[in-house]
Every structure is written in structure tokens, then in C-alpha cells.
Amino acid sequence: SIILFLIGVLFLFQSNYLYFSIIFFSIGYTFYRLARVYFLADAKILTKQDTRKPILFLHSFEDNTLSIFSYPMLFGIRRDIRLEEAISPILNKIGPFVSIGNPAHWIPRLGTAKTFEKDKDWQSRILEWMEKSRYLVFMINDSFGLEWELNKAIEYGYISKTMIIFPDSETVNYQKRIDFTERVFKENNIIISTPYNL
């Protein structure tokens, strides 16, 4: 990918070859992204090698493609950044940032170290990680799986190490997510203050 980037730079200064420059930059960047994905650590292996307590990321697979911001690249192309990808460098400094990956994605998304579980195994894996984790980071959405996870965090007394975040995106229905959060806590006899001014 570095070689393709360099070729793109060379063509960039040749006005007749601007089209080729765009092609080489695009291909080089694609290979760079694929290389980062390829070298993503497996969550099970990482949590055995890294003795720090993990940070567990809990979210709906529906939000896997949700971008929170983008930044400009060359030739007017913009690069979308997802919340998971944006916060992973920060949280990885505290402990291995892990999550359950979506089995439907044969190419993992950048961000957390992932493990892929069968339908009958994912809940036991989540409960195991909840107990071991330093923090639980919930990206709230109204889904059955996330509701089960949030209820378990409350039931087992992990709420003191729980962080709840709302993705900052124009496509997000904040009120729906706030109502979901309040309902789950209310059903567990917990009154919380939610950010209605979002």
C-alpha cells in the first residue's frame, strides 16, 4: 500500500496523469484499510495476552455502519469514522477494548478486538466479560440484545462501572434511545437523569 501511495504522489505532479493518481491513491488506501483489519487482534487471544482488565463495548449490530463524523481526504473524498473506531485508541490505553462481532460481517470492522460467537454462546461470553471488565461501554439503541445486556449489567451490580453513550449522528433518533434507556432503568426501579437537551 505504501508503494501505491508513492506512485500516486508521483502521478499527482503530472497533470496528464491526475486520473492515474486518484486510482493509485484509492487502491493504496484500500489495501491499507484491509491490512489494518487483517491485523486486528482476536478478542479471546488478546484478553489472555493482556493482563489488564478489558473494556467491553456493547452495542446493536444495527449501529455498525453508523458514522459520527468524517474528514476530507484528497480529491474531495471524505472518510467516515464510526464511534467504535474513534474511541478505541483512547480506551485501548486503559485496557483491551473488546466486543462481540457481527457474524454477518466476514470482514471485521475497525475498532474493538472482536470475537465471533454462535447464537447459543454469545450471552455466556458477554456475562463472562462483564464480570472481568473494568468498564462496560454501552452505545444505546433499542434492540433486544442490548436490552438483555443492560438488564444483566443492572442485575449483577455492574452499573457502577457502566458508561452509557449516545452516538452523535444526524441519522440517530435520540428521543427513541433516551426513552429506551429510561424504560429499562425504570423497570429495574432505578430513576436516572437523561440528556434531554441533545
Protein backbone atom coordinates (compact mmCIF):
# COMPACT_ATOMS: atom_id res chain seq x y z
CA SER A 1 0.00 0.00 0.00
CA ILE A 2 2.93 2.37 0.68
CA ILE A 3 4.29 1.76 -2.82
CA LEU A 4 0.90 2.52 -4.35
CA PHE A 5 0.69 5.73 -2.30
CA LEU A 6 4.13 6.80 -3.56
CA ILE A 7 3.15 6.06 -7.15
CA GLY A 8 0.04 8.17 -6.58
CA VAL A 9 2.20 11.04 -5.34
CA LEU A 10 4.42 10.84 -8.42
CA PHE A 11 1.42 10.95 -10.73
CA LEU A 12 -0.07 13.81 -8.70
CA PHE A 13 2.59 16.19 -10.00
CA GLN A 14 1.95 15.16 -13.59
CA SER A 15 -1.19 16.97 -14.74
CA ASN A 16 -1.67 14.48 -17.57
CA TYR A 17 -1.74 11.61 -15.09
CA LEU A 18 -4.07 13.04 -12.44
CA TYR A 19 -6.63 10.30 -13.16
CA PHE A 20 -3.99 7.62 -12.52
CA SER A 21 -3.00 9.39 -9.30
CA ILE A 22 -6.56 9.12 -7.99
CA ILE A 23 -6.69 5.42 -8.90
CA PHE A 24 -3.39 4.59 -7.18
CA PHE A 25 -4.28 6.60 -4.07
CA SER A 26 -7.65 4.82 -3.86
CA ILE A 27 -6.15 1.35 -4.30
CA GLY A 28 -3.34 2.11 -1.84
CA TYR A 29 -5.76 3.36 0.79
CA THR A 30 -7.99 0.31 0.31
CA PHE A 31 -5.04 -2.04 0.85
CA TYR A 32 -4.03 -0.02 3.92
CA ARG A 33 -7.52 -0.43 5.41
CA LEU A 34 -7.58 -4.15 4.63
CA ALA A 35 -4.16 -4.57 6.27
CA ARG A 36 -5.41 -2.87 9.45
CA VAL A 37 -8.43 -5.17 9.50
CA TYR A 38 -6.28 -8.25 8.87
CA PHE A 39 -4.03 -7.49 11.84
CA LEU A 40 -6.89 -6.79 14.26
CA ALA A 41 -6.37 -8.88 17.37
CA ASP A 42 -8.77 -11.68 18.22
CA ALA A 43 -10.51 -10.67 21.43
CA LYS A 44 -10.13 -14.09 23.09
CA ILE A 45 -6.40 -14.16 22.40
CA LEU A 46 -5.90 -10.51 23.35
CA THR A 47 -7.60 -10.86 26.74
CA LYS A 48 -5.33 -13.79 27.55
CA GLN A 49 -2.14 -11.97 26.50
CA ASP A 50 -3.04 -8.58 28.00
CA THR A 51 -3.39 -8.93 31.77
CA ARG A 52 -5.25 -5.63 32.17
CA LYS A 53 -9.00 -5.75 32.74
CA PRO A 54 -10.82 -5.37 29.41
CA ILE A 55 -13.20 -2.61 28.34
CA LEU A 56 -16.37 -4.24 26.99
CA PHE A 57 -18.19 -2.46 24.16
CA LEU A 58 -21.90 -3.30 23.99
CA HIS A 59 -23.92 -2.11 21.03
CA SER A 60 -26.52 -3.06 18.47
CA PHE A 61 -25.23 -4.53 15.20
CA GLU A 62 -27.62 -2.08 13.56
CA ASP A 63 -25.17 0.69 14.50
CA ASN A 64 -22.11 -0.99 12.96
CA THR A 65 -22.19 1.31 9.93
CA LEU A 66 -23.18 4.46 11.81
CA SER A 67 -20.60 7.22 11.26
CA ILE A 68 -20.28 10.07 13.74
CA PHE A 69 -18.09 12.36 11.64
CA SER A 70 -15.98 12.43 8.52
CA TYR A 71 -12.84 14.22 7.46
CA PRO A 72 -11.69 15.31 4.00
CA MET A 73 -9.03 13.40 2.13
CA LEU A 74 -7.53 14.03 -1.31
CA PHE A 75 -9.65 14.97 -4.31
CA GLY A 76 -12.71 15.81 -2.21
CA ILE A 77 -13.11 12.26 -0.88
CA ARG A 78 -14.35 12.10 2.70
CA ARG A 79 -13.50 9.37 5.21
CA ASP A 80 -16.32 8.31 7.55
CA ILE A 81 -15.41 7.47 11.15
CA ARG A 82 -17.60 5.28 13.36
CA LEU A 83 -17.85 5.86 17.10
CA GLU A 84 -16.28 2.49 17.91
CA GLU A 85 -13.29 3.32 15.73
CA ALA A 86 -12.99 6.85 17.14
CA ILE A 87 -12.85 5.86 20.82
CA SER A 88 -10.81 2.65 20.51
CA PRO A 89 -7.35 4.35 20.62
CA ILE A 90 -8.32 6.07 23.89
CA LEU A 91 -9.89 3.06 25.61
CA ASN A 92 -7.13 0.68 24.50
CA LYS A 93 -4.79 2.71 26.71
CA ILE A 94 -6.88 1.66 29.73
CA GLY A 95 -7.38 -1.98 28.78
CA PRO A 96 -8.07 -4.20 25.78
CA PHE A 97 -11.19 -2.84 24.07
CA VAL A 98 -13.32 -5.85 23.10
CA SER A 99 -16.73 -6.73 21.73
CA ILE A 100 -18.79 -9.45 20.09
CA GLY A 101 -18.52 -9.14 16.31
CA ASN A 102 -21.37 -9.48 13.86
CA PRO A 103 -21.10 -12.94 12.24
CA ALA A 104 -22.66 -11.49 9.09
CA HIS A 105 -19.55 -9.35 8.50
CA TRP A 106 -16.89 -11.61 7.04
CA ILE A 107 -14.53 -8.60 7.17
CA PRO A 108 -14.37 -7.24 10.76
CA ARG A 109 -14.96 -3.53 11.34
CA LEU A 110 -12.12 -1.42 12.68
CA GLY A 111 -12.29 -0.53 16.36
CA THR A 112 -12.56 -3.19 19.04
CA ALA A 113 -10.82 -6.54 19.11
CA LYS A 114 -13.62 -8.96 18.31
CA THR A 115 -14.71 -12.50 18.83
CA PHE A 116 -17.48 -14.15 16.87
CA GLU A 117 -19.89 -16.34 18.80
CA LYS A 118 -22.69 -18.69 17.82
CA ASP A 119 -26.24 -17.72 18.76
CA LYS A 120 -26.23 -20.15 21.68
CA ASP A 121 -22.90 -18.87 23.07
CA TRP A 122 -22.93 -15.07 22.87
CA GLN A 123 -24.82 -14.47 26.12
CA SER A 124 -22.45 -16.59 28.20
CA ARG A 125 -19.48 -14.80 26.62
CA ILE A 126 -21.00 -11.41 27.47
CA LEU A 127 -21.64 -12.43 31.09
CA GLU A 128 -18.05 -13.69 31.39
CA TRP A 129 -16.63 -10.43 30.04
CA MET A 130 -18.99 -8.29 32.13
CA GLU A 131 -17.60 -9.85 35.28
CA LYS A 132 -13.96 -9.41 34.22
CA SER A 133 -14.24 -5.95 32.66
CA ARG A 134 -13.04 -2.70 34.15
CA TYR A 135 -15.77 -0.78 32.31
CA LEU A 136 -18.87 -1.59 30.27
CA VAL A 137 -19.43 0.89 27.45
CA PHE A 138 -23.00 0.83 26.11
CA MET A 139 -23.80 2.57 22.83
CA ILE A 140 -27.53 2.79 23.33
CA ASN A 141 -30.06 1.60 20.80
CA ASP A 142 -33.47 0.00 21.14
CA SER A 143 -32.71 -3.67 20.48
CA PHE A 144 -33.50 -6.99 22.18
CA GLY A 145 -29.84 -7.95 22.63
CA LEU A 146 -28.83 -4.60 24.10
CA GLU A 147 -31.84 -4.60 26.43
CA TRP A 148 -30.82 -8.04 27.72
CA GLU A 149 -27.24 -6.85 28.25
CA LEU A 150 -28.30 -3.68 30.07
CA ASN A 151 -30.67 -5.65 32.30
CA LYS A 152 -27.87 -8.08 33.17
CA ALA A 153 -25.48 -5.23 33.98
CA ILE A 154 -28.07 -3.87 36.42
CA GLU A 155 -28.98 -7.30 37.83
CA TYR A 156 -25.37 -8.26 38.58
CA GLY A 157 -24.48 -4.89 40.09
CA TYR A 158 -22.16 -3.74 37.30
CA ILE A 159 -23.91 -0.41 36.81
CA SER A 160 -21.21 1.39 38.83
CA LYS A 161 -18.69 0.55 36.11
CA THR A 162 -21.07 1.25 33.22
CA MET A 163 -20.77 4.10 30.75
CA ILE A 164 -23.73 4.93 28.51
CA ILE A 165 -23.07 6.87 25.33
CA PHE A 166 -25.29 8.19 22.56
CA PRO A 167 -23.75 8.39 19.08
CA ASP A 168 -23.54 11.90 17.66
CA SER A 169 -25.05 11.45 14.22
CA GLU A 170 -27.71 13.25 12.18
CA THR A 171 -29.39 9.91 11.42
CA VAL A 172 -29.91 8.98 15.08
CA ASN A 173 -33.31 9.23 16.77
CA TYR A 174 -32.09 10.41 20.16
CA GLN A 175 -35.52 10.50 21.79
CA LYS A 176 -36.15 6.86 20.95
CA ARG A 177 -32.82 5.87 22.51
CA ILE A 178 -33.38 8.04 25.58
CA ASP A 179 -36.87 6.56 26.08
CA PHE A 180 -35.40 3.06 25.77
CA THR A 181 -32.74 3.81 28.41
CA GLU A 182 -35.24 5.31 30.85
CA ARG A 183 -37.65 2.42 30.39
CA VAL A 184 -35.03 -0.25 31.12
CA PHE A 185 -33.82 1.54 34.25
CA LYS A 186 -37.38 2.27 35.42
CA GLU A 187 -38.28 -1.43 35.06
CA ASN A 188 -35.36 -2.09 37.41
CA ASN A 189 -36.61 0.56 39.88
CA ILE A 190 -33.78 2.98 39.05
CA ILE A 191 -34.51 6.61 38.24
CA ILE A 192 -31.91 8.29 36.03
CA SER A 193 -31.41 11.75 34.58
CA THR A 194 -31.05 11.65 30.80
CA PRO A 195 -29.73 14.37 28.46
CA TYR A 196 -32.97 15.76 27.01
CA ASN A 197 -31.12 18.74 25.58
CA LEU A 198 -29.24 16.64 22.98
